[in-house]
Amino acid sequence: MAADKVPFWQHKSLAQMDQAEWESLCDGCGKCCLVKLQDEEDDAVYYTNVACRYLDEACRCQVYGERLQKKPDCIRLQPGDVAVFSWLPASCAYRRLAEGKPLPAWHPLLSGSDHAMHRGGHSVAGRVYCEDDIHPDDLECFVVQWVE
């Protein structure tokens, strides 16, 4: 198969992708926008069902272009950050490709829309609380295990 027929994520490394390709890898699950807790003893990362105030019902950031200014602790993923990808959910395209794994069948680049992801329970849509409504001392009560 010619290289132009092979999907870009199958023949390009993360570092070789242009900005549009990089951005299209995001499946829009919203899991990276959840408040996460890290165990101080073993560095294990625990996801909560508490989302950033800017995550909307469609699991997209309402202030994406300004997110780093509006929320300084927001993490900007870049190809060179592969070492930090381990905290991303196992279903995340960035993490999967960095680990040499294929995209999941429900990924919008394969399925053509985000409906399969939402129907399959792979996103946080309709299942999270806004961080503005949760006291930081109560976050441990909101730790959950998400479907990968």
Protein backbone atom coordinates (compact mmCIF):
# COMPACT_ATOMS: atom_id res chain seq x y z
CA MET A 1 0.00 0.00 0.00
CA ALA A 2 1.35 3.45 -0.91
CA ALA A 3 2.35 5.74 1.97
CA ASP A 4 -0.38 8.23 1.00
CA LYS A 5 -3.01 5.49 1.46
CA VAL A 6 -1.70 4.37 4.85
CA PRO A 7 -3.18 6.44 7.69
CA PHE A 8 -0.64 8.97 8.96
CA TRP A 9 -0.54 7.46 12.46
CA GLN A 10 0.62 4.15 10.98
CA HIS A 11 3.61 5.53 9.10
CA LYS A 12 4.61 8.65 11.05
CA SER A 13 6.07 8.87 14.51
CA LEU A 14 4.44 11.29 16.93
CA ALA A 15 7.35 13.68 16.37
CA GLN A 16 6.83 13.60 12.58
CA MET A 17 3.17 14.63 12.72
CA ASP A 18 2.08 18.14 11.85
CA GLN A 19 -0.12 20.09 14.24
CA ALA A 20 -3.40 19.08 12.54
CA GLU A 21 -2.46 15.38 12.61
CA TRP A 22 -1.36 15.66 16.25
CA GLU A 23 -4.60 17.36 17.30
CA SER A 24 -6.73 14.82 15.40
CA LEU A 25 -5.32 12.01 17.54
CA CYS A 26 -7.29 13.31 20.51
CA ASP A 27 -10.41 11.16 20.70
CA GLY A 28 -12.24 13.67 22.90
CA CYS A 29 -12.84 11.25 25.77
CA GLY A 30 -12.20 13.98 28.35
CA LYS A 31 -10.21 11.73 30.68
CA CYS A 32 -7.11 13.91 30.55
CA CYS A 33 -9.27 16.79 31.81
CA LEU A 34 -10.17 14.97 35.02
CA VAL A 35 -8.70 15.78 38.38
CA LYS A 36 -6.14 13.10 39.16
CA LEU A 37 -4.59 12.21 42.49
CA GLN A 38 -1.08 10.85 42.83
CA ASP A 39 -0.03 8.63 45.71
CA GLU A 40 3.01 10.13 47.39
CA GLU A 41 4.39 6.72 48.36
CA ASP A 42 4.29 4.83 45.06
CA ASP A 43 3.47 7.60 42.54
CA ALA A 44 0.34 5.71 41.38
CA VAL A 45 -2.13 7.98 39.59
CA TYR A 46 -5.84 7.77 40.43
CA TYR A 47 -8.54 9.26 38.25
CA THR A 48 -11.59 10.94 39.71
CA ASN A 49 -14.94 11.71 38.14
CA VAL A 50 -14.29 15.40 38.76
CA ALA A 51 -13.63 17.40 35.60
CA CYS A 52 -11.97 20.69 34.84
CA ARG A 53 -14.43 23.58 34.89
CA TYR A 54 -13.81 24.13 31.18
CA LEU A 55 -14.78 20.62 30.00
CA ASP A 56 -18.17 20.78 28.28
CA GLU A 57 -20.89 18.13 27.87
CA ALA A 58 -19.34 16.97 24.58
CA CYS A 59 -16.00 16.34 26.37
CA ARG A 60 -14.26 19.25 24.70
CA CYS A 61 -12.42 22.15 26.28
CA GLN A 62 -14.44 25.35 26.06
CA VAL A 63 -11.27 27.47 26.19
CA TYR A 64 -8.82 25.21 24.35
CA GLY A 65 -6.80 27.98 22.72
CA GLU A 66 -6.49 29.85 26.02
CA ARG A 67 -6.41 26.90 28.41
CA LEU A 68 -2.82 27.37 29.51
CA GLN A 69 -3.50 30.96 30.48
CA LYS A 70 -6.87 30.29 32.13
CA LYS A 71 -5.71 27.14 33.92
CA PRO A 72 -1.94 27.24 34.49
CA ASP A 73 -1.84 23.62 35.74
CA CYS A 74 -3.33 22.34 32.46
CA ILE A 75 -0.82 20.11 30.72
CA ARG A 76 0.00 20.72 27.07
CA LEU A 77 0.86 17.39 25.48
CA GLN A 78 3.65 17.46 22.92
CA PRO A 79 5.45 14.71 20.99
CA GLY A 80 8.56 15.10 23.12
CA ASP A 81 6.59 14.43 26.30
CA VAL A 82 6.26 10.68 25.75
CA ALA A 83 7.81 10.07 29.19
CA VAL A 84 4.82 11.71 30.88
CA PHE A 85 2.26 9.84 28.80
CA SER A 86 2.07 7.06 31.39
CA TRP A 87 -0.50 9.04 33.39
CA LEU A 88 -2.77 9.22 30.36
CA PRO A 89 -5.52 6.60 30.19
CA ALA A 90 -4.53 3.34 28.49
CA SER A 91 -7.08 4.10 25.75
CA CYS A 92 -5.47 7.45 24.84
CA ALA A 93 -4.20 7.57 21.24
CA TYR A 94 -1.05 9.49 22.22
CA ARG A 95 -0.15 6.89 24.81
CA ARG A 96 -1.14 3.93 22.62
CA LEU A 97 0.94 5.11 19.66
CA ALA A 98 3.90 5.94 21.92
CA GLU A 99 3.67 2.35 23.22
CA GLY A 100 3.49 0.90 19.69
CA LYS A 101 -0.19 -0.08 19.98
CA PRO A 102 -2.94 0.53 17.41
CA LEU A 103 -5.81 2.95 17.86
CA PRO A 104 -8.91 1.36 19.41
CA ALA A 105 -11.69 0.50 16.93
CA TRP A 106 -13.98 3.16 18.41
CA HIS A 107 -11.46 5.99 17.86
CA PRO A 108 -13.03 8.77 15.76
CA LEU A 109 -10.23 8.53 13.15
CA LEU A 110 -11.33 4.93 12.52
CA SER A 111 -15.07 5.10 13.18
CA GLY A 112 -15.64 8.48 11.52
CA SER A 113 -17.34 10.09 14.53
CA ASP A 114 -17.24 10.23 18.29
CA HIS A 115 -20.57 8.40 18.66
CA ALA A 116 -18.95 4.96 19.01
CA MET A 117 -16.68 6.27 21.74
CA HIS A 118 -19.52 7.82 23.72
CA ARG A 119 -21.89 4.84 23.20
CA GLY A 120 -19.17 2.43 24.29
CA GLY A 121 -18.61 4.30 27.55
CA HIS A 122 -15.08 5.32 26.59
CA SER A 123 -15.69 9.00 27.36
CA VAL A 124 -16.64 10.85 30.53
CA ALA A 125 -19.70 12.43 28.92
CA GLY A 126 -22.55 12.72 31.42
CA ARG A 127 -20.58 11.02 34.19
CA VAL A 128 -18.57 13.78 35.86
CA TYR A 129 -18.86 16.57 38.38
CA CYS A 130 -17.41 20.02 37.83
CA GLU A 131 -14.39 20.82 39.97
CA ASP A 132 -16.12 24.02 41.07
CA ASP A 133 -18.71 21.91 42.92
CA ILE A 134 -16.25 19.70 44.83
CA HIS A 135 -14.13 20.71 47.80
CA PRO A 136 -10.49 19.70 47.22
CA ASP A 137 -10.41 17.87 50.57
CA ASP A 138 -13.20 15.58 49.30
CA LEU A 139 -11.51 14.48 46.06
CA GLU A 140 -10.57 11.05 47.42
CA CYS A 141 -14.29 10.27 47.62
CA PHE A 142 -14.51 10.69 43.84
CA VAL A 143 -11.82 8.22 42.72
CA VAL A 144 -13.18 5.94 39.98
CA GLN A 145 -11.98 3.25 37.56
CA TRP A 146 -12.83 4.22 33.98
CA VAL A 147 -13.54 1.82 31.12
CA GLU A 148 -10.52 1.64 28.84
